[in-house]
Protein backbone atom coordinates (compact mmCIF):
# COMPACT_ATOMS: atom_id res chain seq x y z
CA MET A 1 3.53 -82.45 7.83
CA ILE A 2 0.42 -84.11 9.19
CA ASP A 3 0.44 -87.54 10.67
CA LYS A 4 -2.00 -90.32 10.41
CA PRO A 5 -3.65 -91.24 14.11
CA ALA A 6 -2.30 -93.64 15.80
CA GLY A 7 -4.41 -94.87 18.17
CA PRO A 8 -6.43 -94.49 21.32
CA ALA A 9 -3.97 -91.79 22.37
CA SER A 10 -4.40 -90.50 19.28
CA THR A 11 -8.43 -90.33 19.19
CA LYS A 12 -8.05 -88.94 22.68
CA ALA A 13 -6.25 -85.73 22.40
CA GLN A 14 -8.38 -85.14 18.97
CA HIS A 15 -11.33 -85.41 21.41
CA ILE A 16 -9.61 -83.04 23.52
CA ALA A 17 -8.20 -80.48 20.95
CA SER A 18 -11.99 -80.54 19.64
CA GLU A 19 -13.53 -79.11 22.66
CA VAL A 20 -11.00 -76.70 22.86
CA ARG A 21 -12.19 -75.90 20.15
CA ARG A 22 -15.96 -75.17 20.39
CA ARG A 23 -14.86 -73.33 23.79
CA ILE A 24 -12.80 -70.95 21.31
CA VAL A 25 -15.56 -70.92 18.69
CA GLU A 26 -18.12 -70.02 21.05
CA HIS A 27 -16.15 -67.50 22.81
CA GLU A 28 -16.23 -69.46 26.55
CA TRP A 29 -11.91 -68.58 26.26
CA ARG A 30 -11.56 -65.40 23.77
CA GLN A 31 -8.67 -63.86 22.18
CA GLY A 32 -6.35 -63.41 24.20
CA ASP A 33 -7.29 -65.08 27.87
CA ARG A 34 -5.34 -67.52 29.29
CA ILE A 35 -6.58 -71.08 29.11
CA PRO A 36 -6.06 -73.31 32.11
CA ASP A 37 -2.11 -75.44 32.94
CA GLU A 38 -1.78 -78.98 31.29
CA ALA A 39 -1.50 -79.90 34.71
CA ASP A 40 -4.84 -78.83 35.85
CA LEU A 41 -6.67 -79.98 31.68
CA ALA A 42 -4.71 -83.16 32.28
CA ILE A 43 -6.84 -83.83 35.40
CA GLU A 44 -10.43 -82.16 34.00
CA PHE A 45 -10.02 -84.46 30.51
CA ASP A 46 -9.07 -87.27 32.69
CA ALA A 47 -5.88 -87.96 30.48
CA ALA A 48 -2.72 -87.83 30.56
CA ARG A 49 0.16 -84.46 30.73
CA ALA A 50 1.37 -85.27 27.40
CA THR A 51 -1.52 -86.38 25.61
CA VAL A 52 -3.35 -82.44 26.81
CA ASN A 53 0.31 -81.22 25.24
CA LYS A 54 -0.82 -83.03 21.99
CA ALA A 55 -4.20 -82.03 22.07
CA LEU A 56 -2.38 -78.56 22.33
CA GLN A 57 0.29 -78.41 19.58
CA LEU A 58 -2.51 -79.24 17.73
CA LEU A 59 -4.60 -76.32 17.92
CA ALA A 60 -1.25 -74.28 18.04
CA ASP A 61 -0.74 -76.00 14.62
CA GLU A 62 -4.19 -74.91 13.27
CA GLY A 63 -3.00 -71.08 15.03
CA LEU A 64 -6.18 -70.81 17.20
CA LEU A 65 -3.92 -71.29 20.27
CA ASP A 66 -0.28 -69.27 21.32
CA ARG A 67 2.05 -71.42 23.75
CA ARG A 68 4.97 -70.23 24.62
CA ARG A 69 7.39 -71.25 27.60
CA ARG A 70 6.90 -69.99 30.97
CA ALA A 71 4.25 -67.60 29.61
CA GLY A 72 1.81 -70.36 29.27
CA THR A 73 -0.92 -71.39 26.23
CA ARG A 74 -3.73 -68.89 25.70
CA VAL A 75 -5.99 -68.30 22.64
CA ALA A 76 -4.55 -66.81 20.40
CA VAL A 77 -5.14 -62.74 18.36
CA ASP A 78 -6.41 -62.53 15.43
CA PRO A 79 -5.90 -66.25 14.39
CA VAL A 80 -3.59 -66.52 10.87
CA ARG A 81 -1.39 -69.45 10.08
CA LYS A 82 0.71 -69.71 7.64
CA ALA A 83 0.01 -73.24 6.09
CA THR A 84 2.69 -75.03 5.39
CA PHE A 85 0.70 -77.61 6.05
CA THR A 86 -0.07 -81.14 3.71
CA ILE A 87 -3.59 -80.99 2.57
CA SER A 88 -6.46 -83.48 3.76
CA ILE A 89 -9.23 -85.50 1.12
CA VAL A 90 -11.34 -84.63 3.73
CA ARG A 91 -13.54 -88.43 2.56
CA GLU A 92 -10.24 -90.02 4.11
CA GLN A 93 -10.65 -88.11 7.36
CA VAL A 94 -13.18 -89.28 7.81
CA GLU A 95 -13.70 -93.13 7.09
CA GLN A 96 -10.48 -92.93 9.13
CA ALA A 97 -12.74 -92.40 11.99
CA GLY A 98 -14.68 -95.29 11.20
CA MET A 99 -17.67 -93.19 9.80
CA ALA A 100 -19.24 -93.44 5.98
CA TYR A 101 -19.15 -90.56 4.42
CA SER A 102 -20.78 -89.44 0.80
CA HIS A 103 -20.72 -85.82 -0.93
CA ARG A 104 -22.91 -83.97 -2.32
CA VAL A 105 -22.86 -80.53 -4.67
CA VAL A 106 -25.42 -78.04 -3.70
CA ALA A 107 -24.96 -75.86 -6.45
CA GLN A 108 -22.36 -75.26 -9.54
CA ARG A 109 -21.73 -72.61 -12.71
CA LEU A 110 -19.74 -70.92 -13.89
CA SER A 111 -19.89 -67.15 -12.39
CA PRO A 112 -17.34 -63.87 -12.15
CA VAL A 113 -15.27 -63.78 -9.79
CA PRO A 114 -16.56 -61.16 -7.40
CA ASP A 115 -14.20 -57.81 -7.68
CA ALA A 116 -13.02 -58.35 -3.59
CA LEU A 117 -12.24 -61.85 -4.39
CA ALA A 118 -10.66 -61.15 -7.73
CA GLU A 119 -8.29 -58.24 -6.45
CA ARG A 120 -7.24 -60.03 -2.93
CA THR A 121 -5.87 -63.11 -5.61
CA GLY A 122 -4.64 -60.61 -8.18
CA LEU A 123 -7.56 -62.80 -11.14
CA SER A 124 -8.87 -60.25 -13.70
CA LYS A 125 -12.07 -58.20 -12.33
CA GLY A 126 -14.78 -59.94 -13.38
CA GLU A 127 -13.09 -63.77 -14.37
CA VAL A 128 -15.13 -66.36 -14.82
CA LEU A 129 -14.55 -69.47 -12.91
CA VAL A 130 -16.62 -72.09 -11.28
CA HIS A 131 -18.53 -71.24 -8.77
CA MET A 132 -19.78 -74.37 -5.66
CA ARG A 133 -21.31 -75.29 -3.05
CA ALA A 134 -21.27 -78.59 -1.67
CA VAL A 135 -21.50 -80.82 1.29
CA HIS A 136 -19.60 -83.81 2.42
CA TYR A 137 -21.19 -86.29 5.41
CA ALA A 138 -20.39 -89.20 8.03
CA ASP A 139 -23.09 -91.08 7.95
CA GLY A 140 -25.35 -89.40 6.86
CA GLN A 141 -25.50 -86.24 9.01
CA PRO A 142 -23.29 -83.47 7.56
CA PHE A 143 -19.95 -82.36 8.23
CA GLN A 144 -18.86 -79.64 6.17
CA LEU A 145 -20.32 -76.98 4.36
CA GLU A 146 -17.84 -75.52 1.29
CA ASP A 147 -18.58 -72.39 -0.87
CA ARG A 148 -15.69 -72.65 -3.40
CA TRP A 149 -14.35 -71.24 -6.13
CA ILE A 150 -12.22 -73.04 -8.87
CA ASN A 151 -9.73 -71.15 -11.16
CA PRO A 152 -9.57 -73.11 -14.77
CA ARG A 153 -6.69 -71.35 -15.79
CA ALA A 154 -4.63 -72.81 -13.24
CA ALA A 155 -6.47 -75.95 -13.45
CA PRO A 156 -6.88 -76.78 -16.77
CA SER A 157 -6.87 -80.52 -16.49
CA LEU A 158 -10.26 -79.66 -14.74
CA ALA A 159 -11.52 -79.22 -18.25
CA GLY A 160 -14.50 -82.36 -19.40
CA VAL A 161 -14.07 -82.77 -15.31
CA ASP A 162 -17.78 -83.58 -14.00
CA LEU A 163 -17.38 -82.80 -10.54
CA TRP A 164 -21.39 -83.10 -10.05
CA GLN A 165 -19.86 -86.33 -9.74
CA LEU A 166 -16.17 -86.08 -8.46
CA ASN A 167 -15.44 -84.35 -5.48
CA ALA A 168 -14.34 -80.84 -6.19
CA ASN A 169 -11.73 -81.13 -2.84
CA GLU A 170 -10.20 -84.60 -3.92
CA TRP A 171 -10.14 -84.03 -7.07
CA LEU A 172 -7.91 -81.07 -6.39
CA VAL A 173 -5.89 -82.61 -3.58
CA ARG A 174 -4.30 -84.76 -6.37
CA ASN A 175 -4.94 -83.43 -9.46
CA ALA A 176 -3.76 -79.34 -8.26
CA PRO A 177 -0.49 -79.08 -6.40
CA TYR A 178 -0.24 -75.64 -5.67
CA LEU A 179 3.54 -73.60 -4.56
CA ARG A 180 1.85 -71.59 -1.83
CA ALA A 181 -1.16 -70.92 0.34
CA GLU A 182 -3.07 -68.16 2.18
CA LEU A 183 -5.50 -69.59 5.79
CA ALA A 184 -7.69 -67.59 7.40
CA PHE A 185 -9.90 -69.11 10.91
CA SER A 186 -12.68 -67.10 11.79
CA ALA A 187 -16.33 -67.65 14.24
CA GLU A 188 -19.47 -66.37 12.79
CA ASN A 189 -22.22 -66.82 13.68
CA ALA A 190 -24.12 -69.23 11.06
CA ASN A 191 -26.68 -67.49 8.56
CA TRP A 192 -29.91 -69.11 6.80
CA ARG A 193 -27.64 -71.20 4.29
CA ASP A 194 -25.29 -72.33 6.75
CA ALA A 195 -28.15 -73.73 8.68
CA ARG A 196 -29.89 -75.46 6.00
CA LEU A 197 -27.39 -77.15 4.79
CA LEU A 198 -25.30 -78.06 7.83
CA GLN A 199 -28.37 -78.42 9.89
CA ALA A 200 -28.14 -76.17 12.38
CA GLN A 201 -29.91 -72.84 14.36
CA PRO A 202 -29.42 -69.77 12.33
CA GLY A 203 -26.75 -67.40 14.40
CA GLN A 204 -25.86 -70.75 15.59
CA ALA A 205 -21.43 -70.03 16.11
CA LEU A 206 -19.16 -71.98 12.89
CA LEU A 207 -15.10 -72.38 13.39
CA ILE A 208 -14.49 -70.45 9.63
CA LEU A 209 -11.85 -71.44 8.02
CA SER A 210 -11.44 -69.81 4.82
CA ARG A 211 -7.95 -70.33 2.01
CA ILE A 212 -6.55 -69.26 -1.17
CA THR A 213 -4.37 -71.98 -2.93
CA TRP A 214 -1.69 -70.89 -5.67
CA ASN A 215 0.36 -71.66 -8.63
CA ASP A 216 2.25 -70.76 -11.19
CA LEU A 217 -0.65 -70.02 -13.34
CA GLY A 218 -2.65 -67.77 -10.13
CA PRO A 219 -4.78 -68.76 -7.83
CA ILE A 220 -6.07 -72.38 -7.82
CA THR A 221 -9.46 -71.96 -5.32
CA ILE A 222 -11.07 -70.00 -2.72
CA VAL A 223 -12.87 -72.39 -0.55
CA ARG A 224 -14.95 -70.82 2.70
CA VAL A 225 -15.63 -74.41 5.02
CA ALA A 226 -18.16 -74.39 7.60
CA PHE A 227 -17.33 -77.06 10.03
CA GLN A 228 -20.81 -78.39 11.81
CA PRO A 229 -21.13 -76.46 15.60
CA GLY A 230 -19.75 -79.83 17.49
CA HIS A 231 -19.36 -82.76 14.67
CA HIS A 232 -16.01 -84.79 16.56
CA VAL A 233 -13.19 -86.49 13.72
CA ALA A 234 -10.49 -89.07 15.24
CA ASN A 235 -8.57 -87.63 13.23
CA GLU A 236 -5.10 -86.05 14.26
CA ASN A 237 -5.43 -83.77 11.94
CA GLY A 238 -8.19 -82.17 13.12
CA LEU A 239 -11.82 -79.93 11.35
CA THR A 240 -9.55 -78.43 9.43
CA ARG A 241 -7.26 -80.29 7.44
CA SER A 242 -9.21 -80.37 4.79
CA TYR A 243 -9.18 -78.42 1.32
């Protein structure tokens, strides 16, 4: 389960987690590298060691860090985490951080699923899904960009829902519970579309979350989430807890 932020200590832990995440994404700390000890990080960030421990555990839960007793903490190699978590609502993440939330659908259409995604998810080749791109904003600034495929067969109540107006993230969390999920993190250089919609620089390193959720009717949604570089939210869930 994902806990709610509990106050200033949670905010400090999230700040530390965000900075450590940035160093990993931008390859200051590379896969397999041992990171500084908790005591050293506590001095660097002027924080209690328990707060540093909490921050590192958030990143371990995300799959970005490998923590082993007596062996220290290392950047995970090929970080992929089994998704046994509660998927959060982006609006709530932003509002809990004290910022104003907004949302814009960039594009939406019915489209045949690409062959690679069909093979990966067990869909029929050429099956028609809802394909959309949307940007979530915090205080008017891009927070994250999502490129999403939604399978109407696995979410039959989607019929009649106006996703130009409703937030697909929030609607899916509330109306399409999943039984299992596949989750992966990676770092990618911003392509021209990422850069334009996130107001970033082309080629800038981005943290990417890729996720697929299934129910007993098949895959529900396939989503690629690109996060705004350096954008912090004071939320224990971190930047990677969005649907």
